[in-house]
Amino acid sequence: MNDFYLIGALPWWLVALVGIGATALLVQQFINLRQRLALGQTVFLTFLRACVYAGLVFFLLGPALIDKRVTKLRRPLTLLIDTSQSMGFPASAKTAPGDKTAKSRLDLVRDKLEAGQAPLIQKLNRDARHSRPRRALRRHRF
């Protein structure tokens, strides 16, 4: 989607003053040309000069075309997993103190995230992709 803006560096009052001056100059030139040329030629030359002055005033306003594009940015998936020594303890207090086959709490978290046909980590990653669209703006100056 393109939007048109006038973002000139000159103040509006100065551009309006230039426009008023150009209009006064056009009237004066029309009167002078009317004395020397036919009406058709005078109107044609005044029209051409009016187009030039209008273009000057238009570009003094600093036209800009802003191109807005909506893009979906992927949000990062952040998981915070505690890997301290306490997570190495057995998951259940009912296991024997020297039992090496008992799973630690960290192993249970890893198994929970990676288990199943569609692992939880992939589901979370997929859900994190559905984010709010952000706008990217690009400005084109004439």
C-alpha atoms as a PDB file:
ATOM      1  CA  MET A   1       0.000   0.000   0.000  1.00  0.00           C
ATOM      2  CA  ASN A   2       1.402   3.394  -0.988  1.00  0.00           C
ATOM      3  CA  ASP A   3       0.647   6.626   0.828  1.00  0.00           C
ATOM      4  CA  PHE A   4       1.455  10.097  -0.461  1.00  0.00           C
ATOM      5  CA  TYR A   5       2.807  12.721   1.953  1.00  0.00           C
ATOM      6  CA  LEU A   6       4.133  16.248   1.625  1.00  0.00           C
ATOM      7  CA  ILE A   7       7.171  16.384   3.898  1.00  0.00           C
ATOM      8  CA  GLY A   8       9.033  19.413   2.590  1.00  0.00           C
ATOM      9  CA  ALA A   9      11.802  21.101   4.522  1.00  0.00           C
ATOM     10  CA  LEU A  10      10.352  24.559   3.878  1.00  0.00           C
ATOM     11  CA  PRO A  11       7.559  25.921   6.086  1.00  0.00           C
ATOM     12  CA  TRP A  12       4.061  26.011   4.610  1.00  0.00           C
ATOM     13  CA  TRP A  13       3.818  29.784   4.839  1.00  0.00           C
ATOM     14  CA  LEU A  14       6.952  30.200   2.719  1.00  0.00           C
ATOM     15  CA  VAL A  15       5.618  27.830   0.051  1.00  0.00           C
ATOM     16  CA  ALA A  16       2.289  29.719   0.095  1.00  0.00           C
ATOM     17  CA  LEU A  17       4.181  32.993  -0.308  1.00  0.00           C
ATOM     18  CA  VAL A  18       6.034  31.579  -3.321  1.00  0.00           C
ATOM     19  CA  GLY A  19       2.677  30.429  -4.760  1.00  0.00           C
ATOM     20  CA  ILE A  20       1.150  33.878  -4.322  1.00  0.00           C
ATOM     21  CA  GLY A  21       4.216  35.474  -5.904  1.00  0.00           C
ATOM     22  CA  ALA A  22       4.019  33.068  -8.845  1.00  0.00           C
ATOM     23  CA  THR A  23       0.331  33.902  -9.334  1.00  0.00           C
ATOM     24  CA  ALA A  24       1.060  37.644  -9.303  1.00  0.00           C
ATOM     25  CA  LEU A  25       3.887  37.090 -11.786  1.00  0.00           C
ATOM     26  CA  LEU A  26       1.557  35.106 -14.062  1.00  0.00           C
ATOM     27  CA  VAL A  27      -1.022  37.911 -14.058  1.00  0.00           C
ATOM     28  CA  GLN A  28       1.659  40.490 -14.861  1.00  0.00           C
ATOM     29  CA  GLN A  29       3.096  38.324 -17.667  1.00  0.00           C
ATOM     30  CA  PHE A  30      -0.387  37.750 -19.097  1.00  0.00           C
ATOM     31  CA  ILE A  31      -1.019  41.506 -19.246  1.00  0.00           C
ATOM     32  CA  ASN A  32       2.353  42.180 -20.917  1.00  0.00           C
ATOM     33  CA  LEU A  33       1.947  39.339 -23.436  1.00  0.00           C
ATOM     34  CA  ARG A  34      -1.638  40.411 -24.247  1.00  0.00           C
ATOM     35  CA  GLN A  35      -0.315  43.752 -25.509  1.00  0.00           C
ATOM     36  CA  ARG A  36       2.078  42.081 -27.976  1.00  0.00           C
ATOM     37  CA  LEU A  37       0.408  38.768 -28.970  1.00  0.00           C
ATOM     38  CA  ALA A  38      -2.979  37.421 -29.914  1.00  0.00           C
ATOM     39  CA  LEU A  39      -5.275  36.101 -27.165  1.00  0.00           C
ATOM     40  CA  GLY A  40      -4.770  32.414 -28.080  1.00  0.00           C
ATOM     41  CA  GLN A  41      -0.976  32.664 -27.981  1.00  0.00           C
ATOM     42  CA  THR A  42      -1.085  34.647 -24.745  1.00  0.00           C
ATOM     43  CA  VAL A  43      -3.325  32.090 -23.035  1.00  0.00           C
ATOM     44  CA  PHE A  44      -1.141  29.196 -24.270  1.00  0.00           C
ATOM     45  CA  LEU A  45       2.135  30.759 -23.063  1.00  0.00           C
ATOM     46  CA  THR A  46       0.584  31.735 -19.728  1.00  0.00           C
ATOM     47  CA  PHE A  47      -0.738  28.188 -19.302  1.00  0.00           C
ATOM     48  CA  LEU A  48       2.759  26.739 -19.928  1.00  0.00           C
ATOM     49  CA  ARG A  49       4.281  29.135 -17.413  1.00  0.00           C
ATOM     50  CA  ALA A  50       1.540  28.274 -14.897  1.00  0.00           C
ATOM     51  CA  CYS A  51       2.430  24.568 -15.266  1.00  0.00           C
ATOM     52  CA  VAL A  52       6.102  25.339 -14.605  1.00  0.00           C
ATOM     53  CA  TYR A  53       5.284  27.452 -11.544  1.00  0.00           C
ATOM     54  CA  ALA A  54       2.857  24.805 -10.229  1.00  0.00           C
ATOM     55  CA  GLY A  55       5.608  22.181 -10.591  1.00  0.00           C
ATOM     56  CA  LEU A  56       7.999  24.426  -8.697  1.00  0.00           C
ATOM     57  CA  VAL A  57       5.540  24.911  -5.835  1.00  0.00           C
ATOM     58  CA  PHE A  58       4.747  21.170  -5.821  1.00  0.00           C
ATOM     59  CA  PHE A  59       8.403  20.184  -5.442  1.00  0.00           C
ATOM     60  CA  LEU A  60       8.940  22.851  -2.778  1.00  0.00           C
ATOM     61  CA  LEU A  61       6.366  20.950  -0.714  1.00  0.00           C
ATOM     62  CA  GLY A  62       8.685  17.890  -0.742  1.00  0.00           C
ATOM     63  CA  PRO A  63       6.417  15.119  -1.989  1.00  0.00           C
ATOM     64  CA  ALA A  64       7.136  11.599  -0.743  1.00  0.00           C
ATOM     65  CA  LEU A  65       5.558   8.253  -1.487  1.00  0.00           C
ATOM     66  CA  ILE A  66       5.713   5.886   1.482  1.00  0.00           C
ATOM     67  CA  ASP A  67       5.440   2.202   0.667  1.00  0.00           C
ATOM     68  CA  LYS A  68       3.960   0.197   3.543  1.00  0.00           C
ATOM     69  CA  ARG A  69       4.420  -3.535   3.537  1.00  0.00           C
ATOM     70  CA  VAL A  70       3.182  -5.873   6.232  1.00  0.00           C
ATOM     71  CA  THR A  71       5.588  -8.692   6.955  1.00  0.00           C
ATOM     72  CA  LYS A  72       5.298 -11.409   9.526  1.00  0.00           C
ATOM     73  CA  LEU A  73       8.377 -11.657  11.659  1.00  0.00           C
ATOM     74  CA  ARG A  74       9.047 -14.871  13.452  1.00  0.00           C
ATOM     75  CA  ARG A  75       9.223 -14.474  17.182  1.00  0.00           C
ATOM     76  CA  PRO A  76      12.030 -16.382  18.809  1.00  0.00           C
ATOM     77  CA  LEU A  77      11.098 -19.309  21.010  1.00  0.00           C
ATOM     78  CA  THR A  78      12.852 -19.059  24.341  1.00  0.00           C
ATOM     79  CA  LEU A  79      12.863 -21.913  26.826  1.00  0.00           C
ATOM     80  CA  LEU A  80      14.516 -21.592  30.182  1.00  0.00           C
ATOM     81  CA  ILE A  81      15.603 -24.958  31.537  1.00  0.00           C
ATOM     82  CA  ASP A  82      17.443 -25.278  34.800  1.00  0.00           C
ATOM     83  CA  THR A  83      20.580 -27.395  34.335  1.00  0.00           C
ATOM     84  CA  SER A  84      22.009 -26.917  37.807  1.00  0.00           C
ATOM     85  CA  GLN A  85      23.228 -29.850  39.909  1.00  0.00           C
ATOM     86  CA  SER A  86      19.886 -30.101  41.685  1.00  0.00           C
ATOM     87  CA  MET A  87      18.230 -31.055  38.367  1.00  0.00           C
ATOM     88  CA  GLY A  88      20.527 -34.089  38.273  1.00  0.00           C
ATOM     89  CA  PHE A  89      18.815 -35.569  41.313  1.00  0.00           C
ATOM     90  CA  PRO A  90      16.309 -38.355  40.772  1.00  0.00           C
ATOM     91  CA  ALA A  91      12.817 -37.267  39.819  1.00  0.00           C
ATOM     92  CA  SER A  92      11.171 -39.267  42.563  1.00  0.00           C
ATOM     93  CA  ALA A  93      12.130 -39.293  46.222  1.00  0.00           C
ATOM     94  CA  LYS A  94      11.092 -42.974  46.428  1.00  0.00           C
ATOM     95  CA  THR A  95      14.107 -44.238  44.448  1.00  0.00           C
ATOM     96  CA  ALA A  96      17.081 -45.721  46.201  1.00  0.00           C
ATOM     97  CA  PRO A  97      19.976 -43.311  46.848  1.00  0.00           C
ATOM     98  CA  GLY A  98      22.514 -45.306  44.800  1.00  0.00           C
ATOM     99  CA  ASP A  99      20.193 -46.278  41.905  1.00  0.00           C
ATOM    100  CA  LYS A 100      21.894 -45.290  38.615  1.00  0.00           C
ATOM    101  CA  THR A 101      18.894 -46.264  36.422  1.00  0.00           C
ATOM    102  CA  ALA A 102      16.551 -43.684  37.951  1.00  0.00           C
ATOM    103  CA  LYS A 103      15.916 -40.750  35.645  1.00  0.00           C
ATOM    104  CA  SER A 104      16.896 -37.309  36.804  1.00  0.00           C
ATOM    105  CA  ARG A 105      14.543 -34.351  36.682  1.00  0.00           C
ATOM    106  CA  LEU A 106      16.507 -32.917  33.743  1.00  0.00           C
ATOM    107  CA  ASP A 107      16.075 -36.177  31.818  1.00  0.00           C
ATOM    108  CA  LEU A 108      12.322 -36.060  32.474  1.00  0.00           C
ATOM    109  CA  VAL A 109      12.124 -32.499  31.106  1.00  0.00           C
ATOM    110  CA  ARG A 110      14.108 -33.511  27.996  1.00  0.00           C
ATOM    111  CA  ASP A 111      11.900 -36.576  27.473  1.00  0.00           C
ATOM    112  CA  LYS A 112       8.740 -34.484  27.858  1.00  0.00           C
ATOM    113  CA  LEU A 113       9.921 -31.964  25.261  1.00  0.00           C
ATOM    114  CA  GLU A 114      11.045 -34.616  22.743  1.00  0.00           C
ATOM    115  CA  ALA A 115       8.396 -37.331  23.284  1.00  0.00           C
ATOM    116  CA  GLY A 116       5.581 -38.269  20.923  1.00  0.00           C
ATOM    117  CA  GLN A 117       4.942 -38.154  17.206  1.00  0.00           C
ATOM    118  CA  ALA A 118       4.709 -34.375  17.336  1.00  0.00           C
ATOM    119  CA  PRO A 119       7.143 -33.388  20.095  1.00  0.00           C
ATOM    120  CA  LEU A 120       6.158 -30.561  22.405  1.00  0.00           C
ATOM    121  CA  ILE A 121       9.223 -28.550  21.387  1.00  0.00           C
ATOM    122  CA  GLN A 122       8.013 -28.553  17.746  1.00  0.00           C
ATOM    123  CA  LYS A 123       4.479 -27.579  18.781  1.00  0.00           C
ATOM    124  CA  LEU A 124       5.816 -24.681  20.823  1.00  0.00           C
ATOM    125  CA  ASN A 125       8.034 -23.605  17.939  1.00  0.00           C
ATOM    126  CA  ARG A 126       5.099 -23.732  15.502  1.00  0.00           C
ATOM    127  CA  ASP A 127       2.877 -21.718  17.868  1.00  0.00           C
ATOM    128  CA  ALA A 128       5.615 -19.110  18.302  1.00  0.00           C
ATOM    129  CA  ARG A 129       5.588 -18.498  14.523  1.00  0.00           C
ATOM    130  CA  HIS A 130       2.031 -17.159  14.633  1.00  0.00           C
ATOM    131  CA  SER A 131       2.972 -13.664  15.589  1.00  0.00           C
ATOM    132  CA  ARG A 132       1.464 -10.238  15.167  1.00  0.00           C
ATOM    133  CA  PRO A 133       2.435  -8.686  11.816  1.00  0.00           C
ATOM    134  CA  ARG A 134       4.847  -5.771  11.926  1.00  0.00           C
ATOM    135  CA  ARG A 135       5.085  -3.013   9.361  1.00  0.00           C
ATOM    136  CA  ALA A 136       8.120  -2.240   7.330  1.00  0.00           C
ATOM    137  CA  LEU A 137       8.231   1.267   5.897  1.00  0.00           C
ATOM    138  CA  ARG A 138      10.127   2.433   2.895  1.00  0.00           C
ATOM    139  CA  ARG A 139      10.157   6.074   1.828  1.00  0.00           C
ATOM    140  CA  HIS A 140      10.457   7.168  -1.804  1.00  0.00           C
ATOM    141  CA  ARG A 141      11.302  10.778  -2.484  1.00  0.00           C
ATOM    142  CA  PHE A 142      10.598  12.421  -5.822  1.00  0.00           C
END
